[in-house]
N, C-alpha and C. Protein backbone atom coordinates (compact mmCIF):
# COMPACT_ATOMS: atom_id res chain seq x y z
N MET A 1 86.24 -158.75 59.28
CA MET A 1 86.95 -159.57 58.33
C MET A 1 86.05 -160.71 57.83
N ARG A 2 85.24 -161.24 58.65
CA ARG A 2 84.34 -162.32 58.29
C ARG A 2 83.35 -161.85 57.25
N LEU A 3 82.81 -160.67 57.37
CA LEU A 3 81.86 -160.10 56.43
C LEU A 3 82.50 -159.98 55.04
N PHE A 4 83.73 -159.53 55.02
CA PHE A 4 84.43 -159.38 53.75
C PHE A 4 84.58 -160.73 53.06
N PHE A 5 84.93 -161.79 53.80
CA PHE A 5 85.10 -163.12 53.24
C PHE A 5 83.80 -163.64 52.66
N ILE A 6 82.71 -163.49 53.38
CA ILE A 6 81.39 -163.94 52.90
C ILE A 6 80.99 -163.15 51.65
N LEU A 7 81.17 -161.85 51.69
CA LEU A 7 80.84 -161.01 50.55
C LEU A 7 81.71 -161.38 49.35
N PHE A 8 83.01 -161.55 49.57
CA PHE A 8 83.93 -161.92 48.49
C PHE A 8 83.53 -163.27 47.90
N PHE A 9 83.21 -164.25 48.76
CA PHE A 9 82.82 -165.58 48.32
C PHE A 9 81.55 -165.53 47.49
N THR A 10 80.56 -164.75 47.92
CA THR A 10 79.29 -164.62 47.19
C THR A 10 79.51 -163.98 45.83
N ILE A 11 80.28 -162.92 45.77
CA ILE A 11 80.54 -162.23 44.50
C ILE A 11 81.34 -163.14 43.56
N SER A 12 82.39 -163.77 44.07
CA SER A 12 83.22 -164.60 43.20
C SER A 12 82.46 -165.83 42.72
N ALA A 13 81.59 -166.39 43.55
CA ALA A 13 80.80 -167.55 43.13
C ALA A 13 79.87 -167.19 41.98
N SER A 14 79.27 -166.00 42.03
CA SER A 14 78.38 -165.60 40.94
C SER A 14 79.17 -165.30 39.67
N LEU A 15 80.39 -164.81 39.80
CA LEU A 15 81.23 -164.55 38.63
C LEU A 15 81.74 -165.84 38.00
N LEU A 16 81.87 -166.87 38.81
CA LEU A 16 82.38 -168.13 38.32
C LEU A 16 81.28 -169.09 37.87
N ALA A 17 80.04 -168.64 37.85
CA ALA A 17 78.96 -169.51 37.39
C ALA A 17 79.25 -169.91 35.95
N ASN A 18 79.08 -171.18 35.66
CA ASN A 18 79.42 -171.68 34.34
C ASN A 18 78.51 -171.13 33.25
N GLU A 19 79.14 -170.69 32.17
CA GLU A 19 78.41 -170.22 30.99
C GLU A 19 77.90 -171.45 30.23
N LYS A 20 76.61 -171.47 29.94
CA LYS A 20 76.03 -172.59 29.20
C LYS A 20 76.34 -172.44 27.71
N VAL A 21 76.93 -173.47 27.13
CA VAL A 21 77.24 -173.49 25.71
C VAL A 21 76.89 -174.86 25.13
N VAL A 22 76.65 -174.87 23.83
CA VAL A 22 76.34 -176.12 23.13
C VAL A 22 77.49 -176.43 22.18
N LEU A 23 77.97 -177.66 22.25
CA LEU A 23 78.94 -178.18 21.31
C LEU A 23 78.17 -179.08 20.35
N GLN A 24 78.02 -178.65 19.10
CA GLN A 24 77.26 -179.39 18.10
C GLN A 24 78.17 -180.38 17.38
N LEU A 25 77.87 -181.66 17.52
CA LEU A 25 78.66 -182.69 16.85
C LEU A 25 78.27 -182.78 15.38
N LYS A 26 79.15 -183.33 14.57
CA LYS A 26 78.85 -183.49 13.16
C LYS A 26 78.18 -184.83 12.88
N TRP A 27 78.04 -185.64 13.91
CA TRP A 27 77.41 -186.94 13.72
C TRP A 27 76.79 -187.39 15.03
N LEU A 28 76.36 -188.61 15.12
CA LEU A 28 75.72 -189.15 16.31
C LEU A 28 76.76 -189.36 17.41
N HIS A 29 76.26 -189.52 18.65
CA HIS A 29 77.17 -189.81 19.76
C HIS A 29 77.91 -191.11 19.45
N GLN A 30 79.23 -191.02 19.36
CA GLN A 30 80.04 -192.22 19.13
C GLN A 30 81.48 -191.96 19.51
N PHE A 31 82.32 -192.99 19.36
CA PHE A 31 83.67 -192.95 19.89
C PHE A 31 84.54 -191.84 19.32
N GLN A 32 84.33 -191.41 18.09
CA GLN A 32 85.20 -190.39 17.52
C GLN A 32 85.19 -189.09 18.33
N PHE A 33 84.18 -188.92 19.17
CA PHE A 33 84.07 -187.72 20.00
C PHE A 33 84.43 -187.99 21.47
N ALA A 34 85.09 -189.11 21.72
CA ALA A 34 85.39 -189.53 23.09
C ALA A 34 86.13 -188.47 23.89
N GLY A 35 87.01 -187.74 23.26
CA GLY A 35 87.78 -186.71 23.98
C GLY A 35 86.89 -185.63 24.57
N TYR A 36 85.85 -185.26 23.86
CA TYR A 36 84.93 -184.22 24.34
C TYR A 36 84.12 -184.73 25.54
N TYR A 37 83.68 -186.01 25.46
CA TYR A 37 82.93 -186.58 26.58
C TYR A 37 83.83 -186.74 27.81
N ALA A 38 85.07 -187.16 27.57
CA ALA A 38 86.01 -187.34 28.69
C ALA A 38 86.31 -186.00 29.36
N ALA A 39 86.47 -184.95 28.56
CA ALA A 39 86.74 -183.61 29.12
C ALA A 39 85.58 -183.16 29.99
N LYS A 40 84.37 -183.46 29.56
CA LYS A 40 83.19 -183.09 30.36
C LYS A 40 83.15 -183.89 31.65
N GLU A 41 83.36 -185.19 31.52
CA GLU A 41 83.32 -186.08 32.68
C GLU A 41 84.39 -185.73 33.71
N LYS A 42 85.55 -185.36 33.26
CA LYS A 42 86.66 -185.03 34.17
C LYS A 42 86.59 -183.60 34.70
N GLY A 43 85.61 -182.82 34.24
CA GLY A 43 85.42 -181.48 34.76
C GLY A 43 86.29 -180.40 34.12
N PHE A 44 86.92 -180.72 33.00
CA PHE A 44 87.80 -179.74 32.35
C PHE A 44 87.02 -178.51 31.88
N TYR A 45 85.82 -178.70 31.37
CA TYR A 45 85.02 -177.56 30.93
C TYR A 45 84.61 -176.71 32.13
N ASP A 46 84.22 -177.38 33.21
CA ASP A 46 83.84 -176.65 34.43
C ASP A 46 84.98 -175.76 34.92
N GLU A 47 86.20 -176.28 34.85
CA GLU A 47 87.37 -175.50 35.29
C GLU A 47 87.53 -174.23 34.47
N LEU A 48 87.04 -174.25 33.24
CA LEU A 48 87.12 -173.07 32.37
C LEU A 48 85.87 -172.19 32.44
N GLY A 49 84.94 -172.58 33.32
CA GLY A 49 83.72 -171.80 33.48
C GLY A 49 82.67 -172.08 32.43
N LEU A 50 82.68 -173.30 31.87
CA LEU A 50 81.73 -173.66 30.82
C LEU A 50 80.86 -174.84 31.26
N ASP A 51 79.58 -174.69 31.04
CA ASP A 51 78.62 -175.78 31.23
C ASP A 51 78.28 -176.25 29.82
N VAL A 52 78.95 -177.31 29.37
CA VAL A 52 78.87 -177.73 27.98
C VAL A 52 77.82 -178.82 27.78
N GLU A 53 76.90 -178.55 26.86
CA GLU A 53 75.96 -179.58 26.40
C GLU A 53 76.51 -180.11 25.09
N ILE A 54 76.79 -181.41 25.04
CA ILE A 54 77.28 -182.04 23.82
C ILE A 54 76.06 -182.58 23.08
N ARG A 55 75.78 -182.00 21.94
CA ARG A 55 74.55 -182.31 21.20
C ARG A 55 74.88 -183.12 19.94
N GLU A 56 74.24 -184.29 19.82
CA GLU A 56 74.48 -185.09 18.63
C GLU A 56 73.77 -184.50 17.42
N ARG A 57 74.16 -184.93 16.26
CA ARG A 57 73.64 -184.42 15.00
C ARG A 57 72.18 -184.77 14.82
N ASP A 58 71.39 -183.80 14.44
CA ASP A 58 70.02 -184.00 13.98
C ASP A 58 70.14 -184.01 12.46
N ARG A 59 69.99 -185.19 11.85
CA ARG A 59 70.27 -185.32 10.42
C ARG A 59 69.31 -184.53 9.54
N SER A 60 68.25 -184.00 10.12
CA SER A 60 67.35 -183.14 9.33
C SER A 60 67.86 -181.71 9.25
N LYS A 61 68.95 -181.41 10.00
CA LYS A 61 69.50 -180.06 10.03
C LYS A 61 70.95 -180.06 9.54
N ASN A 62 71.40 -178.92 9.10
CA ASN A 62 72.79 -178.73 8.72
C ASN A 62 73.54 -178.29 9.97
N ASN A 63 74.44 -179.15 10.46
CA ASN A 63 75.12 -178.88 11.72
C ASN A 63 75.98 -177.62 11.67
N ILE A 64 76.49 -177.26 10.52
CA ILE A 64 77.29 -176.04 10.41
C ILE A 64 76.38 -174.82 10.46
N GLU A 65 75.25 -174.89 9.77
CA GLU A 65 74.28 -173.79 9.82
C GLU A 65 73.77 -173.58 11.24
N GLN A 66 73.70 -174.64 12.04
CA GLN A 66 73.24 -174.50 13.42
C GLN A 66 74.19 -173.60 14.22
N VAL A 67 75.48 -173.68 13.93
CA VAL A 67 76.44 -172.81 14.61
C VAL A 67 76.31 -171.39 14.06
N ILE A 68 76.23 -171.27 12.75
CA ILE A 68 76.09 -169.95 12.12
C ILE A 68 74.84 -169.24 12.62
N ASN A 69 73.74 -169.98 12.77
CA ASN A 69 72.47 -169.40 13.20
C ASN A 69 72.34 -169.23 14.70
N GLY A 70 73.35 -169.62 15.46
CA GLY A 70 73.32 -169.42 16.91
C GLY A 70 72.61 -170.50 17.70
N GLU A 71 72.27 -171.64 17.07
CA GLU A 71 71.66 -172.74 17.81
C GLU A 71 72.71 -173.46 18.66
N ALA A 72 73.98 -173.27 18.31
CA ALA A 72 75.10 -173.83 19.07
C ALA A 72 76.24 -172.82 19.01
N GLU A 73 77.03 -172.79 20.07
CA GLU A 73 78.16 -171.85 20.12
C GLU A 73 79.40 -172.43 19.44
N TYR A 74 79.55 -173.76 19.52
CA TYR A 74 80.72 -174.43 18.96
C TYR A 74 80.24 -175.62 18.15
N GLY A 75 81.06 -176.04 17.20
CA GLY A 75 80.70 -177.18 16.38
C GLY A 75 81.91 -177.97 15.96
N ILE A 76 81.67 -179.20 15.62
CA ILE A 76 82.69 -180.08 15.09
C ILE A 76 82.34 -180.30 13.62
N ALA A 77 83.30 -180.11 12.75
CA ALA A 77 83.06 -180.31 11.32
C ALA A 77 84.35 -180.80 10.68
N ASP A 78 84.31 -181.00 9.38
CA ASP A 78 85.49 -181.47 8.67
C ASP A 78 85.88 -180.49 7.59
N SER A 79 86.52 -180.97 6.56
CA SER A 79 87.08 -180.09 5.53
C SER A 79 86.04 -179.25 4.80
N VAL A 80 84.76 -179.56 4.94
CA VAL A 80 83.72 -178.75 4.30
C VAL A 80 83.74 -177.32 4.85
N LEU A 81 84.33 -177.12 6.01
CA LEU A 81 84.44 -175.75 6.56
C LEU A 81 85.20 -174.82 5.63
N LEU A 82 86.12 -175.37 4.87
CA LEU A 82 86.88 -174.54 3.93
C LEU A 82 85.95 -173.95 2.86
N LEU A 83 84.95 -174.71 2.47
CA LEU A 83 83.95 -174.20 1.52
C LEU A 83 83.15 -173.05 2.14
N TYR A 84 82.75 -173.20 3.38
CA TYR A 84 82.01 -172.14 4.08
C TYR A 84 82.87 -170.90 4.26
N ARG A 85 84.14 -171.10 4.59
CA ARG A 85 85.04 -169.95 4.74
C ARG A 85 85.23 -169.22 3.41
N SER A 86 85.30 -169.98 2.31
CA SER A 86 85.47 -169.35 1.00
C SER A 86 84.24 -168.52 0.61
N LYS A 87 83.09 -168.88 1.19
CA LYS A 87 81.86 -168.12 0.95
C LYS A 87 81.67 -167.00 1.97
N LYS A 88 82.72 -166.74 2.75
CA LYS A 88 82.74 -165.65 3.74
C LYS A 88 81.70 -165.82 4.85
N GLU A 89 81.36 -167.06 5.18
CA GLU A 89 80.45 -167.31 6.29
C GLU A 89 81.15 -166.92 7.59
N PRO A 90 80.38 -166.45 8.58
CA PRO A 90 81.00 -165.98 9.84
C PRO A 90 81.41 -167.13 10.76
N LEU A 91 82.43 -167.86 10.33
CA LEU A 91 82.95 -168.98 11.11
C LEU A 91 84.40 -168.74 11.46
N VAL A 92 84.77 -169.19 12.63
CA VAL A 92 86.17 -169.14 13.05
C VAL A 92 86.59 -170.58 13.30
N ILE A 93 87.66 -171.01 12.65
CA ILE A 93 88.18 -172.35 12.88
C ILE A 93 89.12 -172.25 14.07
N VAL A 94 88.72 -172.86 15.18
CA VAL A 94 89.47 -172.75 16.42
C VAL A 94 90.73 -173.60 16.38
N THR A 95 90.60 -174.83 15.93
CA THR A 95 91.76 -175.70 15.86
C THR A 95 91.53 -176.81 14.84
N PRO A 96 92.53 -177.11 14.06
CA PRO A 96 92.40 -178.27 13.17
C PRO A 96 92.80 -179.53 13.93
N ILE A 97 91.98 -180.52 13.87
CA ILE A 97 92.27 -181.81 14.48
C ILE A 97 92.28 -182.81 13.33
N PHE A 98 93.41 -183.37 13.05
CA PHE A 98 93.54 -184.27 11.91
C PHE A 98 93.20 -185.69 12.32
N GLN A 99 92.38 -186.31 11.49
CA GLN A 99 92.04 -187.71 11.69
C GLN A 99 91.73 -188.29 10.31
N HIS A 100 91.71 -189.57 10.23
CA HIS A 100 91.31 -190.21 8.99
C HIS A 100 89.81 -190.04 8.83
N SER A 101 89.37 -189.77 7.63
CA SER A 101 87.95 -189.61 7.38
C SER A 101 87.24 -190.95 7.56
N PRO A 102 86.10 -190.95 8.24
CA PRO A 102 85.33 -192.19 8.36
C PRO A 102 84.46 -192.45 7.13
N GLY A 103 84.48 -191.52 6.16
CA GLY A 103 83.67 -191.67 4.96
C GLY A 103 84.19 -192.80 4.09
N VAL A 104 83.30 -193.71 3.73
CA VAL A 104 83.66 -194.85 2.89
C VAL A 104 82.60 -195.05 1.82
N ILE A 105 82.97 -195.80 0.81
CA ILE A 105 82.02 -196.23 -0.20
C ILE A 105 81.99 -197.75 -0.13
N LEU A 106 80.82 -198.28 0.05
CA LEU A 106 80.65 -199.72 0.20
C LEU A 106 80.00 -200.30 -1.05
N THR A 107 80.50 -201.47 -1.47
CA THR A 107 79.93 -202.18 -2.62
C THR A 107 79.80 -203.65 -2.25
N LEU A 108 79.00 -204.36 -3.01
CA LEU A 108 78.92 -205.80 -2.82
C LEU A 108 80.09 -206.45 -3.55
N LYS A 109 80.66 -207.46 -2.95
CA LYS A 109 81.78 -208.16 -3.56
C LYS A 109 81.40 -208.68 -4.95
N SER A 110 80.17 -209.14 -5.07
CA SER A 110 79.69 -209.70 -6.34
C SER A 110 79.62 -208.66 -7.47
N SER A 111 79.65 -207.37 -7.14
CA SER A 111 79.56 -206.32 -8.16
C SER A 111 80.86 -206.14 -8.94
N GLY A 112 81.97 -206.58 -8.36
CA GLY A 112 83.26 -206.39 -9.01
C GLY A 112 83.80 -204.97 -8.87
N ILE A 113 83.06 -204.10 -8.19
CA ILE A 113 83.52 -202.71 -8.00
C ILE A 113 84.44 -202.69 -6.79
N ASP A 114 85.74 -202.60 -7.08
CA ASP A 114 86.73 -202.64 -6.02
C ASP A 114 87.68 -201.44 -6.09
N SER A 115 87.26 -200.43 -6.82
CA SER A 115 88.08 -199.22 -6.99
C SER A 115 87.15 -198.05 -7.27
N PRO A 116 87.52 -196.86 -6.82
CA PRO A 116 86.68 -195.69 -7.14
C PRO A 116 86.52 -195.49 -8.65
N TYR A 117 87.54 -195.88 -9.42
CA TYR A 117 87.46 -195.71 -10.87
C TYR A 117 86.31 -196.50 -11.50
N LYS A 118 85.95 -197.59 -10.86
CA LYS A 118 84.86 -198.43 -11.38
C LYS A 118 83.48 -197.88 -11.03
N LEU A 119 83.45 -196.73 -10.34
CA LEU A 119 82.17 -196.11 -10.00
C LEU A 119 81.68 -195.11 -11.05
N ASP A 120 82.50 -194.85 -12.06
CA ASP A 120 82.10 -193.92 -13.13
C ASP A 120 80.80 -194.41 -13.76
N ASN A 121 79.79 -193.55 -13.78
CA ASN A 121 78.46 -193.84 -14.34
C ASN A 121 77.68 -194.91 -13.58
N LYS A 122 78.10 -195.22 -12.37
CA LYS A 122 77.39 -196.20 -11.52
C LYS A 122 76.50 -195.45 -10.54
N LYS A 123 75.47 -196.12 -10.07
CA LYS A 123 74.50 -195.51 -9.15
C LYS A 123 75.02 -195.63 -7.71
N LEU A 124 75.24 -194.46 -7.09
CA LEU A 124 75.76 -194.38 -5.73
C LEU A 124 74.69 -193.77 -4.82
N LEU A 125 74.26 -194.53 -3.83
CA LEU A 125 73.32 -193.99 -2.84
C LEU A 125 74.09 -193.02 -1.98
N PHE A 126 73.71 -191.74 -2.04
CA PHE A 126 74.52 -190.67 -1.46
C PHE A 126 73.67 -189.80 -0.56
N TYR A 127 74.34 -188.92 0.15
CA TYR A 127 73.71 -188.00 1.08
C TYR A 127 72.90 -186.94 0.32
N LYS A 128 71.88 -186.44 0.97
CA LYS A 128 71.07 -185.37 0.39
C LYS A 128 71.88 -184.09 0.24
N LYS A 129 72.72 -183.84 1.23
CA LYS A 129 73.51 -182.60 1.24
C LYS A 129 74.98 -182.92 0.97
N ASP A 130 75.60 -182.15 0.07
CA ASP A 130 77.01 -182.35 -0.25
C ASP A 130 77.91 -182.24 0.96
N ALA A 131 77.54 -181.41 1.93
CA ALA A 131 78.37 -181.21 3.11
C ALA A 131 78.61 -182.52 3.85
N ASP A 132 77.67 -183.46 3.78
CA ASP A 132 77.82 -184.72 4.49
C ASP A 132 78.80 -185.67 3.82
N GLY A 133 79.06 -185.49 2.53
CA GLY A 133 79.98 -186.37 1.82
C GLY A 133 81.06 -185.61 1.08
N PHE A 134 81.45 -184.47 1.64
CA PHE A 134 82.37 -183.56 0.98
C PHE A 134 83.69 -184.22 0.60
N GLY A 135 84.24 -185.03 1.48
CA GLY A 135 85.50 -185.71 1.20
C GLY A 135 85.39 -186.67 0.03
N ILE A 136 84.28 -187.39 -0.04
CA ILE A 136 84.06 -188.33 -1.14
C ILE A 136 83.88 -187.56 -2.45
N LEU A 137 83.14 -186.47 -2.40
CA LEU A 137 82.97 -185.64 -3.60
C LEU A 137 84.31 -185.08 -4.08
N ALA A 138 85.15 -184.67 -3.14
CA ALA A 138 86.48 -184.15 -3.51
C ALA A 138 87.31 -185.23 -4.18
N MET A 139 87.20 -186.46 -3.68
CA MET A 139 87.92 -187.57 -4.30
C MET A 139 87.45 -187.78 -5.73
N PHE A 140 86.13 -187.80 -5.94
CA PHE A 140 85.60 -187.98 -7.29
C PHE A 140 86.08 -186.86 -8.23
N GLU A 141 86.06 -185.65 -7.73
CA GLU A 141 86.52 -184.50 -8.53
C GLU A 141 87.99 -184.68 -8.91
N HIS A 142 88.78 -185.06 -7.93
CA HIS A 142 90.22 -185.24 -8.17
C HIS A 142 90.50 -186.36 -9.17
N LEU A 143 89.73 -187.44 -9.10
CA LEU A 143 89.93 -188.59 -9.98
C LEU A 143 89.16 -188.49 -11.29
N ASN A 144 88.37 -187.40 -11.43
CA ASN A 144 87.56 -187.20 -12.63
C ASN A 144 86.57 -188.34 -12.85
N ILE A 145 85.89 -188.70 -11.77
CA ILE A 145 84.89 -189.78 -11.79
C ILE A 145 83.51 -189.16 -11.61
N GLU A 146 82.54 -189.62 -12.40
CA GLU A 146 81.19 -189.08 -12.33
C GLU A 146 80.16 -190.18 -12.14
N PRO A 147 79.94 -190.57 -10.88
CA PRO A 147 78.86 -191.55 -10.64
C PRO A 147 77.51 -190.84 -10.73
N PHE A 148 76.46 -191.63 -10.81
CA PHE A 148 75.11 -191.09 -10.72
C PHE A 148 74.74 -191.09 -9.23
N PHE A 149 74.42 -189.91 -8.70
CA PHE A 149 74.10 -189.79 -7.28
C PHE A 149 72.61 -189.96 -7.03
N ASP A 150 72.25 -190.99 -6.31
CA ASP A 150 70.89 -191.16 -5.80
C ASP A 150 70.92 -190.54 -4.41
N ARG A 151 70.29 -189.39 -4.25
CA ARG A 151 70.38 -188.62 -3.01
C ARG A 151 69.24 -188.93 -2.03
N THR A 152 68.82 -190.16 -1.99
CA THR A 152 67.74 -190.56 -1.08
C THR A 152 68.23 -191.50 0.01
N LYS A 153 69.51 -191.37 0.36
CA LYS A 153 70.12 -192.25 1.37
C LYS A 153 69.34 -192.26 2.68
N ASP A 154 68.90 -191.10 3.13
CA ASP A 154 68.19 -191.02 4.41
C ASP A 154 66.86 -191.77 4.37
N LYS A 155 66.26 -191.85 3.19
CA LYS A 155 64.97 -192.55 3.06
C LYS A 155 65.14 -194.04 2.82
N LYS A 156 66.10 -194.41 1.99
CA LYS A 156 66.23 -195.80 1.57
C LYS A 156 67.06 -196.65 2.52
N GLY A 157 68.18 -196.14 2.98
CA GLY A 157 69.01 -196.89 3.90
C GLY A 157 69.91 -197.91 3.23
N PHE A 158 70.71 -198.59 4.06
CA PHE A 158 71.75 -199.47 3.56
C PHE A 158 71.23 -200.72 2.87
N THR A 159 69.98 -201.10 3.11
CA THR A 159 69.46 -202.31 2.47
C THR A 159 69.29 -202.14 0.96
N SER A 160 69.32 -200.91 0.47
CA SER A 160 69.24 -200.68 -0.98
C SER A 160 70.41 -201.33 -1.70
N LEU A 161 71.56 -201.35 -1.08
CA LEU A 161 72.71 -202.00 -1.68
C LEU A 161 72.52 -203.52 -1.68
N ILE A 162 72.04 -204.05 -0.59
CA ILE A 162 71.82 -205.50 -0.48
C ILE A 162 70.79 -205.96 -1.52
N LYS A 163 69.79 -205.13 -1.79
CA LYS A 163 68.73 -205.46 -2.77
C LYS A 163 69.15 -205.16 -4.21
N ASN A 164 70.40 -204.73 -4.42
CA ASN A 164 70.92 -204.37 -5.74
C ASN A 164 70.16 -203.24 -6.40
N GLU A 165 69.60 -202.34 -5.61
CA GLU A 165 68.91 -201.16 -6.15
C GLU A 165 69.93 -200.07 -6.51
N VAL A 166 71.11 -200.15 -5.95
CA VAL A 166 72.21 -199.22 -6.23
C VAL A 166 73.49 -200.04 -6.39
N ASP A 167 74.49 -199.42 -7.00
CA ASP A 167 75.78 -200.11 -7.19
C ASP A 167 76.72 -199.91 -6.02
N ALA A 168 76.53 -198.81 -5.29
CA ALA A 168 77.42 -198.48 -4.19
C ALA A 168 76.68 -197.63 -3.16
N TYR A 169 77.26 -197.57 -1.98
CA TYR A 169 76.62 -196.89 -0.84
C TYR A 169 77.65 -196.06 -0.10
N ALA A 170 77.40 -194.77 0.07
CA ALA A 170 78.28 -193.90 0.85
C ALA A 170 77.92 -194.05 2.32
N GLY A 171 78.91 -194.30 3.14
CA GLY A 171 78.62 -194.50 4.56
C GLY A 171 79.77 -194.09 5.46
N TYR A 172 79.64 -194.49 6.71
CA TYR A 172 80.64 -194.21 7.74
C TYR A 172 81.29 -195.53 8.15
N LEU A 173 82.60 -195.55 8.18
CA LEU A 173 83.35 -196.74 8.54
C LEU A 173 83.03 -197.20 9.96
N SER A 174 82.65 -196.27 10.82
CA SER A 174 82.46 -196.59 12.24
C SER A 174 81.20 -197.40 12.52
N ASN A 175 80.21 -197.39 11.62
CA ASN A 175 79.01 -198.14 11.98
C ASN A 175 78.39 -198.93 10.82
N GLU A 176 78.43 -198.42 9.60
CA GLU A 176 77.68 -199.09 8.53
C GLU A 176 78.24 -200.44 8.09
N PRO A 177 79.54 -200.66 8.05
CA PRO A 177 80.01 -202.02 7.75
C PRO A 177 79.47 -203.05 8.75
N PHE A 178 79.27 -202.63 9.99
CA PHE A 178 78.70 -203.51 11.00
C PHE A 178 77.29 -203.94 10.61
N TYR A 179 76.49 -203.01 10.09
CA TYR A 179 75.12 -203.35 9.66
C TYR A 179 75.15 -204.38 8.54
N PHE A 180 76.07 -204.21 7.59
CA PHE A 180 76.18 -205.16 6.49
C PHE A 180 76.64 -206.53 6.99
N LYS A 181 77.57 -206.52 7.92
CA LYS A 181 78.05 -207.79 8.46
C LYS A 181 76.93 -208.54 9.17
N GLU A 182 76.07 -207.80 9.87
CA GLU A 182 74.92 -208.44 10.54
C GLU A 182 73.99 -209.11 9.55
N LYS A 183 73.87 -208.51 8.37
CA LYS A 183 72.98 -209.05 7.32
C LYS A 183 73.69 -210.09 6.44
N LYS A 184 74.96 -210.34 6.76
CA LYS A 184 75.81 -211.28 6.04
C LYS A 184 75.94 -210.89 4.58
């Protein structure tokens, strides 16, 4: 009987070895992903037989393409997934999680731009890839607004707005207003 128990334990332990998977975030490590970190810390993934690596966004790569290409097994994305699904990309949406978009457009108070309508024909420092600002683009489309997109956001950064090189800046509510506040 003892031999059977040891053999059973050895076989079951090898069957229960955690499968290594990557969860690709759509942005940098920050609070919006707290639930995923908490699940890892509390061992919920381990209970399901998963060894999860939570990988932050590499802004030089398309996080959705990373899942499609097999660099990650799972990914976090937003409404831009509907565009990929319409193009018949091999993606499965596991669950919709509704939250307010952190995408914002920032302007200087002195510019007088206090509405999206005032951005028509104005210079907006924007993302290189539409997927990163899909919600903002959808808003412009819906409101029939056509700003001029300066797609060098990754190179220029938020100080372009402070220097009046652009009229507006596309950013994330979770961190970029803080940078502006620091610069007063």
